[in-house]
């Protein structure tokens, strides 16, 4: 009986642990090229709480799938801004934009 109770406990625990819901969002950026795509995806895909990030370099929209219990949407946008790109309403600081190669600096910040 003790073994069954313990087994049931672990099954319930694993269901709670792995039952986390993910959210998918789209964020408008001002990325310029394939290098921008690599830079944004490279940073986001190695950020805790983000499960997947992909930038469409035609629309400049990054699709992000994330775990809201580990990271907030605003933090994701701030991460993109810290790289040097605007992310919806979160604007990149001039000093972060200037760290980008000239060809990757968004036109509005020249």
PDB file of N, CA and C in Angstrom:
ATOM      1  N   UNK A   1       0.817  -1.196   0.000  1.00  0.00           N
ATOM      2  CA  UNK A   1       0.000   0.000   0.000  1.00  0.00           C
ATOM      3  C   UNK A   1       0.863   1.262   0.000  1.00  0.00           C
ATOM      4  N   UNK A   2       1.929   1.212   0.785  1.00  0.00           N
ATOM      5  CA  UNK A   2       2.828   2.353   0.877  1.00  0.00           C
ATOM      6  C   UNK A   2       3.484   2.612  -0.485  1.00  0.00           C
ATOM      7  N   UNK A   3       3.832   1.556  -1.201  1.00  0.00           N
ATOM      8  CA  UNK A   3       4.457   1.682  -2.519  1.00  0.00           C
ATOM      9  C   UNK A   3       3.488   2.304  -3.514  1.00  0.00           C
ATOM     10  N   UNK A   4       2.231   1.912  -3.467  1.00  0.00           N
ATOM     11  CA  UNK A   4       1.224   2.454  -4.374  1.00  0.00           C
ATOM     12  C   UNK A   4       1.010   3.936  -4.100  1.00  0.00           C
ATOM     13  N   UNK A   5       0.930   4.300  -2.828  1.00  0.00           N
ATOM     14  CA  UNK A   5       0.739   5.696  -2.453  1.00  0.00           C
ATOM     15  C   UNK A   5       1.925   6.532  -2.907  1.00  0.00           C
ATOM     16  N   UNK A   6       3.126   6.044  -2.718  1.00  0.00           N
ATOM     17  CA  UNK A   6       4.339   6.748  -3.130  1.00  0.00           C
ATOM     18  C   UNK A   6       4.386   6.882  -4.646  1.00  0.00           C
ATOM     19  N   UNK A   7       4.029   5.823  -5.358  1.00  0.00           N
ATOM     20  CA  UNK A   7       4.008   5.863  -6.823  1.00  0.00           C
ATOM     21  C   UNK A   7       2.992   6.883  -7.319  1.00  0.00           C
ATOM     22  N   UNK A   8       1.826   6.897  -6.719  1.00  0.00           N
ATOM     23  CA  UNK A   8       0.785   7.847  -7.096  1.00  0.00           C
ATOM     24  C   UNK A   8       1.256   9.278  -6.849  1.00  0.00           C
ATOM     25  N   UNK A   9       1.947   9.504  -5.757  1.00  0.00           N
ATOM     26  CA  UNK A   9       2.486  10.824  -5.439  1.00  0.00           C
ATOM     27  C   UNK A   9       3.438  11.295  -6.531  1.00  0.00           C
ATOM     28  N   UNK A  10       4.339  10.427  -6.983  1.00  0.00           N
ATOM     29  CA  UNK A  10       5.299  10.801  -8.016  1.00  0.00           C
ATOM     30  C   UNK A  10       4.633  11.035  -9.367  1.00  0.00           C
ATOM     31  N   UNK A  11       3.598  10.285  -9.665  1.00  0.00           N
ATOM     32  CA  UNK A  11       2.858  10.501 -10.912  1.00  0.00           C
ATOM     33  C   UNK A  11       2.188  11.870 -10.882  1.00  0.00           C
ATOM     34  N   UNK A  12       1.553  12.204  -9.782  1.00  0.00           N
ATOM     35  CA  UNK A  12       0.915  13.509  -9.655  1.00  0.00           C
ATOM     36  C   UNK A  12       1.936  14.638  -9.695  1.00  0.00           C
ATOM     37  N   UNK A  13       3.057  14.454  -9.054  1.00  0.00           N
ATOM     38  CA  UNK A  13       4.116  15.456  -9.043  1.00  0.00           C
ATOM     39  C   UNK A  13       4.644  15.695 -10.448  1.00  0.00           C
ATOM     40  N   UNK A  14       4.862  14.647 -11.210  1.00  0.00           N
ATOM     41  CA  UNK A  14       5.369  14.811 -12.569  1.00  0.00           C
ATOM     42  C   UNK A  14       4.337  15.477 -13.466  1.00  0.00           C
ATOM     43  N   UNK A  15       3.068  15.217 -13.246  1.00  0.00           N
ATOM     44  CA  UNK A  15       2.014  15.851 -14.024  1.00  0.00           C
ATOM     45  C   UNK A  15       1.991  17.348 -13.754  1.00  0.00           C
ATOM     46  N   UNK A  16       2.142  17.734 -12.508  1.00  0.00           N
ATOM     47  CA  UNK A  16       2.165  19.147 -12.155  1.00  0.00           C
ATOM     48  C   UNK A  16       3.418  19.808 -12.725  1.00  0.00           C
ATOM     49  N   UNK A  17       4.553  19.161 -12.627  1.00  0.00           N
ATOM     50  CA  UNK A  17       5.809  19.737 -13.090  1.00  0.00           C
ATOM     51  C   UNK A  17       5.839  19.902 -14.597  1.00  0.00           C
ATOM     52  N   UNK A  18       5.355  18.906 -15.324  1.00  0.00           N
ATOM     53  CA  UNK A  18       5.438  18.943 -16.768  1.00  0.00           C
ATOM     54  C   UNK A  18       4.177  19.502 -17.418  1.00  0.00           C
ATOM     55  N   UNK A  19       3.196  19.843 -16.646  1.00  0.00           N
ATOM     56  CA  UNK A  19       1.952  20.356 -17.170  1.00  0.00           C
ATOM     57  C   UNK A  19       1.956  21.869 -17.351  1.00  0.00           C
ATOM     58  N   UNK A  20       3.129  22.495 -17.272  1.00  0.00           N
ATOM     59  CA  UNK A  20       3.221  23.940 -17.420  1.00  0.00           C
ATOM     60  C   UNK A  20       2.699  24.370 -18.792  1.00  0.00           C
ATOM     61  N   UNK A  21       1.984  25.449 -18.837  1.00  0.00           N
ATOM     62  CA  UNK A  21       1.463  25.981 -20.083  1.00  0.00           C
ATOM     63  C   UNK A  21       2.472  26.964 -20.670  1.00  0.00           C
ATOM     64  N   UNK A  22       2.581  26.920 -21.986  1.00  0.00           N
ATOM     65  CA  UNK A  22       3.427  27.868 -22.694  1.00  0.00           C
ATOM     66  C   UNK A  22       2.547  28.892 -23.382  1.00  0.00           C
ATOM     67  N   UNK A  23       3.096  30.063 -23.573  1.00  0.00           N
ATOM     68  CA  UNK A  23       2.421  31.126 -24.291  1.00  0.00           C
ATOM     69  C   UNK A  23       3.247  31.438 -25.530  1.00  0.00           C
ATOM     70  N   UNK A  24       2.574  31.668 -26.636  1.00  0.00           N
ATOM     71  CA  UNK A  24       3.250  32.094 -27.855  1.00  0.00           C
ATOM     72  C   UNK A  24       2.814  33.514 -28.156  1.00  0.00           C
ATOM     73  N   UNK A  25       3.786  34.369 -28.428  1.00  0.00           N
ATOM     74  CA  UNK A  25       3.480  35.759 -28.741  1.00  0.00           C
ATOM     75  C   UNK A  25       4.275  36.188 -29.966  1.00  0.00           C
ATOM     76  N   UNK A  26       3.881  37.293 -30.547  1.00  0.00           N
ATOM     77  CA  UNK A  26       4.607  37.873 -31.665  1.00  0.00           C
ATOM     78  C   UNK A  26       4.991  39.293 -31.303  1.00  0.00           C
ATOM     79  N   UNK A  27       6.251  39.619 -31.565  1.00  0.00           N
ATOM     80  CA  UNK A  27       6.794  40.924 -31.204  1.00  0.00           C
ATOM     81  C   UNK A  27       7.360  41.571 -32.461  1.00  0.00           C
ATOM     82  N   UNK A  28       6.915  42.783 -32.740  1.00  0.00           N
ATOM     83  CA  UNK A  28       7.419  43.530 -33.895  1.00  0.00           C
ATOM     84  C   UNK A  28       8.772  44.140 -33.551  1.00  0.00           C
ATOM     85  N   UNK A  29       9.763  43.885 -34.398  1.00  0.00           N
ATOM     86  CA  UNK A  29      11.098  44.455 -34.205  1.00  0.00           C
ATOM     87  C   UNK A  29      11.423  45.351 -35.392  1.00  0.00           C
ATOM     88  N   UNK A  30      12.601  45.926 -35.373  1.00  0.00           N
ATOM     89  CA  UNK A  30      13.091  46.694 -36.514  1.00  0.00           C
ATOM     90  C   UNK A  30      14.409  46.097 -37.011  1.00  0.00           C
ATOM     91  N   UNK A  31      14.505  44.782 -36.974  1.00  0.00           N
ATOM     92  CA  UNK A  31      15.687  44.058 -37.460  1.00  0.00           C
ATOM     93  C   UNK A  31      15.856  44.329 -38.951  1.00  0.00           C
ATOM     94  N   UNK A  32      17.094  44.200 -39.439  1.00  0.00           N
ATOM     95  CA  UNK A  32      17.397  44.571 -40.818  1.00  0.00           C
ATOM     96  C   UNK A  32      17.724  43.394 -41.739  1.00  0.00           C
ATOM     97  N   UNK A  33      18.381  42.362 -41.209  1.00  0.00           N
ATOM     98  CA  UNK A  33      18.940  41.351 -42.108  1.00  0.00           C
ATOM     99  C   UNK A  33      19.089  39.994 -41.412  1.00  0.00           C
ATOM    100  N   UNK A  34      19.721  39.071 -42.106  1.00  0.00           N
ATOM    101  CA  UNK A  34      19.959  37.735 -41.564  1.00  0.00           C
ATOM    102  C   UNK A  34      20.854  37.748 -40.341  1.00  0.00           C
ATOM    103  N   UNK A  35      21.804  38.674 -40.298  1.00  0.00           N
ATOM    104  CA  UNK A  35      22.664  38.775 -39.113  1.00  0.00           C
ATOM    105  C   UNK A  35      21.849  39.214 -37.895  1.00  0.00           C
ATOM    106  N   UNK A  36      20.909  40.115 -38.125  1.00  0.00           N
ATOM    107  CA  UNK A  36      20.014  40.549 -37.041  1.00  0.00           C
ATOM    108  C   UNK A  36      19.198  39.359 -36.543  1.00  0.00           C
ATOM    109  N   UNK A  37      18.705  38.563 -37.483  1.00  0.00           N
ATOM    110  CA  UNK A  37      17.931  37.358 -37.159  1.00  0.00           C
ATOM    111  C   UNK A  37      18.746  36.430 -36.267  1.00  0.00           C
ATOM    112  N   UNK A  38      19.982  36.170 -36.664  1.00  0.00           N
ATOM    113  CA  UNK A  38      20.854  35.294 -35.866  1.00  0.00           C
ATOM    114  C   UNK A  38      21.114  35.871 -34.484  1.00  0.00           C
ATOM    115  N   UNK A  39      21.315  37.167 -34.425  1.00  0.00           N
ATOM    116  CA  UNK A  39      21.612  37.824 -33.143  1.00  0.00           C
ATOM    117  C   UNK A  39      20.410  37.719 -32.187  1.00  0.00           C
ATOM    118  N   UNK A  40      19.221  38.014 -32.679  1.00  0.00           N
ATOM    119  CA  UNK A  40      18.016  37.993 -31.847  1.00  0.00           C
ATOM    120  C   UNK A  40      17.665  36.560 -31.446  1.00  0.00           C
ATOM    121  N   UNK A  41      17.626  35.658 -32.427  1.00  0.00           N
ATOM    122  CA  UNK A  41      17.292  34.263 -32.120  1.00  0.00           C
ATOM    123  C   UNK A  41      18.334  33.639 -31.202  1.00  0.00           C
ATOM    124  N   UNK A  42      19.606  33.947 -31.446  1.00  0.00           N
ATOM    125  CA  UNK A  42      20.675  33.390 -30.616  1.00  0.00           C
ATOM    126  C   UNK A  42      20.534  33.776 -29.159  1.00  0.00           C
ATOM    127  N   UNK A  43      20.197  35.039 -28.909  1.00  0.00           N
ATOM    128  CA  UNK A  43      20.030  35.496 -27.526  1.00  0.00           C
ATOM    129  C   UNK A  43      18.772  34.911 -26.896  1.00  0.00           C
ATOM    130  N   UNK A  44      17.656  34.995 -27.604  1.00  0.00           N
ATOM    131  CA  UNK A  44      16.393  34.540 -27.019  1.00  0.00           C
ATOM    132  C   UNK A  44      16.357  33.032 -26.812  1.00  0.00           C
ATOM    133  N   UNK A  45      16.870  32.276 -27.750  1.00  0.00           N
ATOM    134  CA  UNK A  45      16.807  30.817 -27.630  1.00  0.00           C
ATOM    135  C   UNK A  45      17.692  30.265 -26.514  1.00  0.00           C
ATOM    136  N   UNK A  46      18.561  31.105 -25.970  1.00  0.00           N
ATOM    137  CA  UNK A  46      19.377  30.683 -24.829  1.00  0.00           C
ATOM    138  C   UNK A  46      19.021  31.455 -23.564  1.00  0.00           C
ATOM    139  N   UNK A  47      17.818  32.020 -23.535  1.00  0.00           N
ATOM    140  CA  UNK A  47      17.328  32.740 -22.365  1.00  0.00           C
ATOM    141  C   UNK A  47      16.399  31.822 -21.579  1.00  0.00           C
ATOM    142  N   UNK A  48      16.631  31.730 -20.280  1.00  0.00           N
ATOM    143  CA  UNK A  48      15.814  30.870 -19.421  1.00  0.00           C
ATOM    144  C   UNK A  48      14.341  31.255 -19.515  1.00  0.00           C
ATOM    145  N   UNK A  49      13.514  30.249 -19.715  1.00  0.00           N
ATOM    146  CA  UNK A  49      12.076  30.463 -19.797  1.00  0.00           C
ATOM    147  C   UNK A  49      11.553  30.536 -21.219  1.00  0.00           C
ATOM    148  N   UNK A  50      12.462  30.767 -22.176  1.00  0.00           N
ATOM    149  CA  UNK A  50      12.058  30.811 -23.579  1.00  0.00           C
ATOM    150  C   UNK A  50      12.305  29.445 -24.192  1.00  0.00           C
ATOM    151  N   UNK A  51      11.255  28.886 -24.778  1.00  0.00           N
ATOM    152  CA  UNK A  51      11.347  27.558 -25.374  1.00  0.00           C
ATOM    153  C   UNK A  51      11.701  27.626 -26.849  1.00  0.00           C
ATOM    154  N   UNK A  52      11.322  28.711 -27.518  1.00  0.00           N
ATOM    155  CA  UNK A  52      11.520  28.817 -28.953  1.00  0.00           C
ATOM    156  C   UNK A  52      11.395  30.273 -29.364  1.00  0.00           C
ATOM    157  N   UNK A  53      12.275  30.716 -30.241  1.00  0.00           N
ATOM    158  CA  UNK A  53      12.166  32.069 -30.806  1.00  0.00           C
ATOM    159  C   UNK A  53      12.625  32.017 -32.249  1.00  0.00           C
ATOM    160  N   UNK A  54      11.839  32.645 -33.124  1.00  0.00           N
ATOM    161  CA  UNK A  54      12.199  32.696 -34.543  1.00  0.00           C
ATOM    162  C   UNK A  54      11.760  34.035 -35.126  1.00  0.00           C
ATOM    163  N   UNK A  55      12.687  34.687 -35.812  1.00  0.00           N
ATOM    164  CA  UNK A  55      12.416  35.975 -36.438  1.00  0.00           C
ATOM    165  C   UNK A  55      12.150  35.779 -37.915  1.00  0.00           C
ATOM    166  N   UNK A  56      11.034  36.303 -38.393  1.00  0.00           N
ATOM    167  CA  UNK A  56      10.746  36.339 -39.823  1.00  0.00           C
ATOM    168  C   UNK A  56      11.387  37.615 -40.348  1.00  0.00           C
ATOM    169  N   UNK A  57      12.456  37.492 -41.115  1.00  0.00           N
ATOM    170  CA  UNK A  57      13.185  38.688 -41.534  1.00  0.00           C
ATOM    171  C   UNK A  57      12.453  39.503 -42.599  1.00  0.00           C
ATOM    172  N   UNK A  58      11.378  38.977 -43.146  1.00  0.00           N
ATOM    173  CA  UNK A  58      10.555  39.747 -44.087  1.00  0.00           C
ATOM    174  C   UNK A  58       9.608  40.690 -43.333  1.00  0.00           C
ATOM    175  N   UNK A  59       8.916  40.157 -42.341  1.00  0.00           N
ATOM    176  CA  UNK A  59       7.956  40.964 -41.575  1.00  0.00           C
ATOM    177  C   UNK A  59       8.594  41.637 -40.366  1.00  0.00           C
ATOM    178  N   UNK A  60       9.776  41.161 -39.979  1.00  0.00           N
ATOM    179  CA  UNK A  60      10.505  41.648 -38.798  1.00  0.00           C
ATOM    180  C   UNK A  60       9.777  41.315 -37.497  1.00  0.00           C
ATOM    181  N   UNK A  61       8.962  40.265 -37.545  1.00  0.00           N
ATOM    182  CA  UNK A  61       8.226  39.821 -36.364  1.00  0.00           C
ATOM    183  C   UNK A  61       8.912  38.593 -35.790  1.00  0.00           C
ATOM    184  N   UNK A  62       9.187  38.633 -34.492  1.00  0.00           N
ATOM    185  CA  UNK A  62       9.767  37.475 -33.811  1.00  0.00           C
ATOM    186  C   UNK A  62       8.637  36.759 -33.072  1.00  0.00           C
ATOM    187  N   UNK A  63       8.540  35.462 -33.325  1.00  0.00           N
ATOM    188  CA  UNK A  63       7.567  34.621 -32.640  1.00  0.00           C
ATOM    189  C   UNK A  63       8.291  33.940 -31.495  1.00  0.00           C
ATOM    190  N   UNK A  64       7.746  34.086 -30.305  1.00  0.00           N
ATOM    191  CA  UNK A  64       8.390  33.558 -29.107  1.00  0.00           C
ATOM    192  C   UNK A  64       7.406  32.668 -28.353  1.00  0.00           C
ATOM    193  N   UNK A  65       7.856  31.463 -28.036  1.00  0.00           N
ATOM    194  CA  UNK A  65       7.088  30.555 -27.176  1.00  0.00           C
ATOM    195  C   UNK A  65       7.839  30.515 -25.848  1.00  0.00           C
ATOM    196  N   UNK A  66       7.120  30.830 -24.765  1.00  0.00           N
ATOM    197  CA  UNK A  66       7.796  30.937 -23.471  1.00  0.00           C
ATOM    198  C   UNK A  66       6.920  30.433 -22.339  1.00  0.00           C
ATOM    199  N   UNK A  67       7.568  30.191 -21.207  1.00  0.00           N
ATOM    200  CA  UNK A  67       6.900  29.741 -19.994  1.00  0.00           C
ATOM    201  C   UNK A  67       6.699  30.964 -19.095  1.00  0.00           C
ATOM    202  N   UNK A  68       5.457  31.432 -18.940  1.00  0.00           N
ATOM    203  CA  UNK A  68       5.212  32.644 -18.153  1.00  0.00           C
ATOM    204  C   UNK A  68       5.532  32.508 -16.669  1.00  0.00           C
ATOM    205  N   UNK A  69       5.724  31.292 -16.195  1.00  0.00           N
ATOM    206  CA  UNK A  69       6.114  31.135 -14.787  1.00  0.00           C
ATOM    207  C   UNK A  69       7.613  31.368 -14.607  1.00  0.00           C
ATOM    208  N   UNK A  70       8.358  31.451 -15.719  1.00  0.00           N
ATOM    209  CA  UNK A  70       9.807  31.645 -15.648  1.00  0.00           C
ATOM    210  C   UNK A  70      10.268  32.985 -16.203  1.00  0.00           C
ATOM    211  N   UNK A  71       9.484  33.573 -17.117  1.00  0.00           N
ATOM    212  CA  UNK A  71       9.880  34.847 -17.715  1.00  0.00           C
ATOM    213  C   UNK A  71       8.616  35.609 -18.125  1.00  0.00           C
ATOM    214  N   UNK A  72       8.670  36.933 -18.005  1.00  0.00           N
ATOM    215  CA  UNK A  72       7.531  37.774 -18.377  1.00  0.00           C
ATOM    216  C   UNK A  72       7.731  38.319 -19.789  1.00  0.00           C
ATOM    217  N   UNK A  73       6.631  38.626 -20.446  1.00  0.00           N
ATOM    218  CA  UNK A  73       6.686  39.177 -21.796  1.00  0.00           C
ATOM    219  C   UNK A  73       7.504  40.466 -21.833  1.00  0.00           C
ATOM    220  N   UNK A  74       7.321  41.330 -20.855  1.00  0.00           N
ATOM    221  CA  UNK A  74       8.082  42.577 -20.813  1.00  0.00           C
ATOM    222  C   UNK A  74       9.582  42.306 -20.748  1.00  0.00           C
ATOM    223  N   UNK A  75       9.987  41.296 -20.006  1.00  0.00           N
ATOM    224  CA  UNK A  75      11.409  40.942 -19.906  1.00  0.00           C
ATOM    225  C   UNK A  75      11.945  40.487 -21.264  1.00  0.00           C
ATOM    226  N   UNK A  76      11.146  39.751 -22.013  1.00  0.00           N
ATOM    227  CA  UNK A  76      11.557  39.322 -23.357  1.00  0.00           C
ATOM    228  C   UNK A  76      11.761  40.542 -24.250  1.00  0.00           C
ATOM    229  N   UNK A  77      10.826  41.470 -24.204  1.00  0.00           N
ATOM    230  CA  UNK A  77      10.943  42.690 -25.003  1.00  0.00           C
ATOM    231  C   UNK A  77      12.167  43.507 -24.583  1.00  0.00           C
ATOM    232  N   UNK A  78      12.421  43.578 -23.292  1.00  0.00           N
ATOM    233  CA  UNK A  78      13.599  44.308 -22.805  1.00  0.00           C
ATOM    234  C   UNK A  78      14.889  43.630 -23.243  1.00  0.00           C
ATOM    235  N   UNK A  79      14.885  42.312 -23.330  1.00  0.00           N
ATOM    236  CA  UNK A  79      16.052  41.566 -23.806  1.00  0.00           C
ATOM    237  C   UNK A  79      16.342  41.920 -25.260  1.00  0.00           C
ATOM    238  N   UNK A  80      15.298  41.974 -26.078  1.00  0.00           N
ATOM    239  CA  UNK A  80      15.468  42.351 -27.485  1.00  0.00           C
ATOM    240  C   UNK A  80      15.989  43.788 -27.576  1.00  0.00           C
ATOM    241  N   UNK A  81      15.437  44.674 -26.770  1.00  0.00           N
ATOM    242  CA  UNK A  81      15.870  46.069 -26.778  1.00  0.00           C
ATOM    243  C   UNK A  81      17.330  46.200 -26.345  1.00  0.00           C
ATOM    244  N   UNK A  82      17.744  45.390 -25.397  1.00  0.00           N
ATOM    245  CA  UNK A  82      19.132  45.429 -24.913  1.00  0.00           C
ATOM    246  C   UNK A  82      20.113  44.974 -26.003  1.00  0.00           C
ATOM    247  N   UNK A  83      19.632  44.122 -26.912  1.00  0.00           N
ATOM    248  CA  UNK A  83      20.467  43.698 -28.047  1.00  0.00           C
ATOM    249  C   UNK A  83      20.668  44.876 -29.001  1.00  0.00           C
ATOM    250  N   UNK A  84      19.679  45.790 -29.058  1.00  0.00           N
ATOM    251  CA  UNK A  84      19.788  46.965 -29.914  1.00  0.00           C
ATOM    252  C   UNK A  84      18.616  47.174 -30.852  1.00  0.00           C
ATOM    253  N   UNK A  85      17.541  46.422 -30.650  1.00  0.00           N
ATOM    254  CA  UNK A  85      16.373  46.513 -31.529  1.00  0.00           C
ATOM    255  C   UNK A  85      15.135  46.905 -30.738  1.00  0.00           C
ATOM    256  N   UNK A  86      14.247  47.666 -31.379  1.00  0.00           N
ATOM    257  CA  UNK A  86      12.964  47.969 -30.767  1.00  0.00           C
ATOM    258  C   UNK A  86      12.136  46.689 -30.705  1.00  0.00           C
ATOM    259  N   UNK A  87      11.306  46.563 -29.685  1.00  0.00           N
ATOM    260  CA  UNK A  87      10.430  45.404 -29.504  1.00  0.00           C
ATOM    261  C   UNK A  87       9.061  45.917 -29.086  1.00  0.00           C
ATOM    262  N   UNK A  88       8.163  46.044 -30.059  1.00  0.00           N
ATOM    263  CA  UNK A  88       6.853  46.652 -29.839  1.00  0.00           C
ATOM    264  C   UNK A  88       7.055  48.036 -29.219  1.00  0.00           C
ATOM    265  N   UNK A  89       6.488  48.257 -28.048  1.00  0.00           N
ATOM    266  CA  UNK A  89       6.560  49.578 -27.414  1.00  0.00           C
ATOM    267  C   UNK A  89       7.877  49.823 -26.673  1.00  0.00           C
ATOM    268  N   UNK A  90       8.701  48.807 -26.516  1.00  0.00           N
ATOM    269  CA  UNK A  90       9.976  48.948 -25.809  1.00  0.00           C
ATOM    270  C   UNK A  90      11.054  49.337 -26.823  1.00  0.00           C
ATOM    271  N   UNK A  91      11.540  50.549 -26.695  1.00  0.00           N
ATOM    272  CA  UNK A  91      12.523  51.071 -27.638  1.00  0.00           C
ATOM    273  C   UNK A  91      13.943  50.786 -27.144  1.00  0.00           C
ATOM    274  N   UNK A  92      14.813  50.467 -28.087  1.00  0.00           N
ATOM    275  CA  UNK A  92      16.220  50.220 -27.757  1.00  0.00           C
ATOM    276  C   UNK A  92      16.908  51.537 -27.415  1.00  0.00           C
ATOM    277  N   UNK A  93      17.784  51.494 -26.433  1.00  0.00           N
ATOM    278  CA  UNK A  93      18.567  52.675 -26.059  1.00  0.00           C
ATOM    279  C   UNK A  93      19.618  52.928 -27.140  1.00  0.00           C
ATOM    280  N   UNK A  94      19.929  54.189 -27.388  1.00  0.00           N
ATOM    281  CA  UNK A  94      20.886  54.572 -28.421  1.00  0.00           C
ATOM    282  C   UNK A  94      22.235  53.881 -28.228  1.00  0.00           C
ATOM    283  N   UNK A  95      22.692  53.764 -26.988  1.00  0.00           N
ATOM    284  CA  UNK A  95      23.996  53.118 -26.746  1.00  0.00           C
ATOM    285  C   UNK A  95      23.979  51.631 -27.121  1.00  0.00           C
ATOM    286  N   UNK A  96      22.819  50.977 -27.005  1.00  0.00           N
ATOM    287  CA  UNK A  96      22.715  49.574 -27.413  1.00  0.00           C
ATOM    288  C   UNK A  96      22.653  49.456 -28.933  1.00  0.00           C
ATOM    289  N   UNK A  97      21.965  50.373 -29.584  1.00  0.00           N
ATOM    290  CA  UNK A  97      21.892  50.396 -31.050  1.00  0.00           C
ATOM    291  C   UNK A  97      23.284  50.612 -31.634  1.00  0.00           C
ATOM    292  N   UNK A  98      24.040  51.506 -31.030  1.00  0.00           N
ATOM    293  CA  UNK A  98      25.371  51.832 -31.546  1.00  0.00           C
ATOM    294  C   UNK A  98      26.366  50.681 -31.402  1.00  0.00           C
ATOM    295  N   UNK A  99      26.057  49.689 -30.580  1.00  0.00           N
ATOM    296  CA  UNK A  99      26.921  48.513 -30.440  1.00  0.00           C
ATOM    297  C   UNK A  99      26.749  47.547 -31.617  1.00  0.00           C
ATOM    298  N   UNK A 100      25.649  47.693 -32.353  1.00  0.00           N
ATOM    299  CA  UNK A 100      25.406  46.841 -33.508  1.00  0.00           C
ATOM    300  C   UNK A 100      26.320  47.250 -34.657  1.00  0.00           C
ATOM    301  N   UNK A 101      26.653  46.307 -35.555  1.00  0.00           N
ATOM    302  CA  UNK A 101      27.381  46.703 -36.769  1.00  0.00           C
ATOM    303  C   UNK A 101      26.555  47.746 -37.524  1.00  0.00           C
ATOM    304  N   UNK A 102      27.199  48.650 -38.237  1.00  0.00           N
ATOM    305  CA  UNK A 102      26.500  49.735 -38.941  1.00  0.00           C
ATOM    306  C   UNK A 102      25.396  49.205 -39.842  1.00  0.00           C
ATOM    307  N   UNK A 103      25.658  48.091 -40.538  1.00  0.00           N
ATOM    308  CA  UNK A 103      24.659  47.556 -41.471  1.00  0.00           C
ATOM    309  C   UNK A 103      23.426  47.019 -40.746  1.00  0.00           C
ATOM    310  N   UNK A 104      23.545  46.744 -39.462  1.00  0.00           N
ATOM    311  CA  UNK A 104      22.424  46.191 -38.681  1.00  0.00           C
ATOM    312  C   UNK A 104      21.708  47.245 -37.858  1.00  0.00           C
ATOM    313  N   UNK A 105      22.236  48.462 -37.847  1.00  0.00           N
ATOM    314  CA  UNK A 105      21.581  49.517 -37.066  1.00  0.00           C
ATOM    315  C   UNK A 105      20.307  49.940 -37.779  1.00  0.00           C
ATOM    316  N   UNK A 106      19.194  49.867 -37.069  1.00  0.00           N
ATOM    317  CA  UNK A 106      17.917  50.256 -37.670  1.00  0.00           C
ATOM    318  C   UNK A 106      17.980  51.684 -38.209  1.00  0.00           C
ATOM    319  N   UNK A 107      17.346  51.894 -39.332  1.00  0.00           N
ATOM    320  CA  UNK A 107      17.401  53.201 -40.028  1.00  0.00           C
ATOM    321  C   UNK A 107      16.931  54.354 -39.158  1.00  0.00           C
ATOM    322  N   UNK A 108      15.971  54.131 -38.304  1.00  0.00           N
ATOM    323  CA  UNK A 108      15.448  55.199 -37.466  1.00  0.00           C
ATOM    324  C   UNK A 108      16.411  55.697 -36.403  1.00  0.00           C
ATOM    325  N   UNK A 109      17.517  54.991 -36.195  1.00  0.00           N
ATOM    326  CA  UNK A 109      18.462  55.369 -35.143  1.00  0.00           C
ATOM    327  C   UNK A 109      19.748  55.951 -35.688  1.00  0.00           C
ATOM    328  N   UNK A 110      19.817  56.185 -37.004  1.00  0.00           N
ATOM    329  CA  UNK A 110      21.059  56.710 -37.597  1.00  0.00           C
ATOM    330  C   UNK A 110      21.260  58.170 -37.270  1.00  0.00           C
TER     331      UNK A 110
END
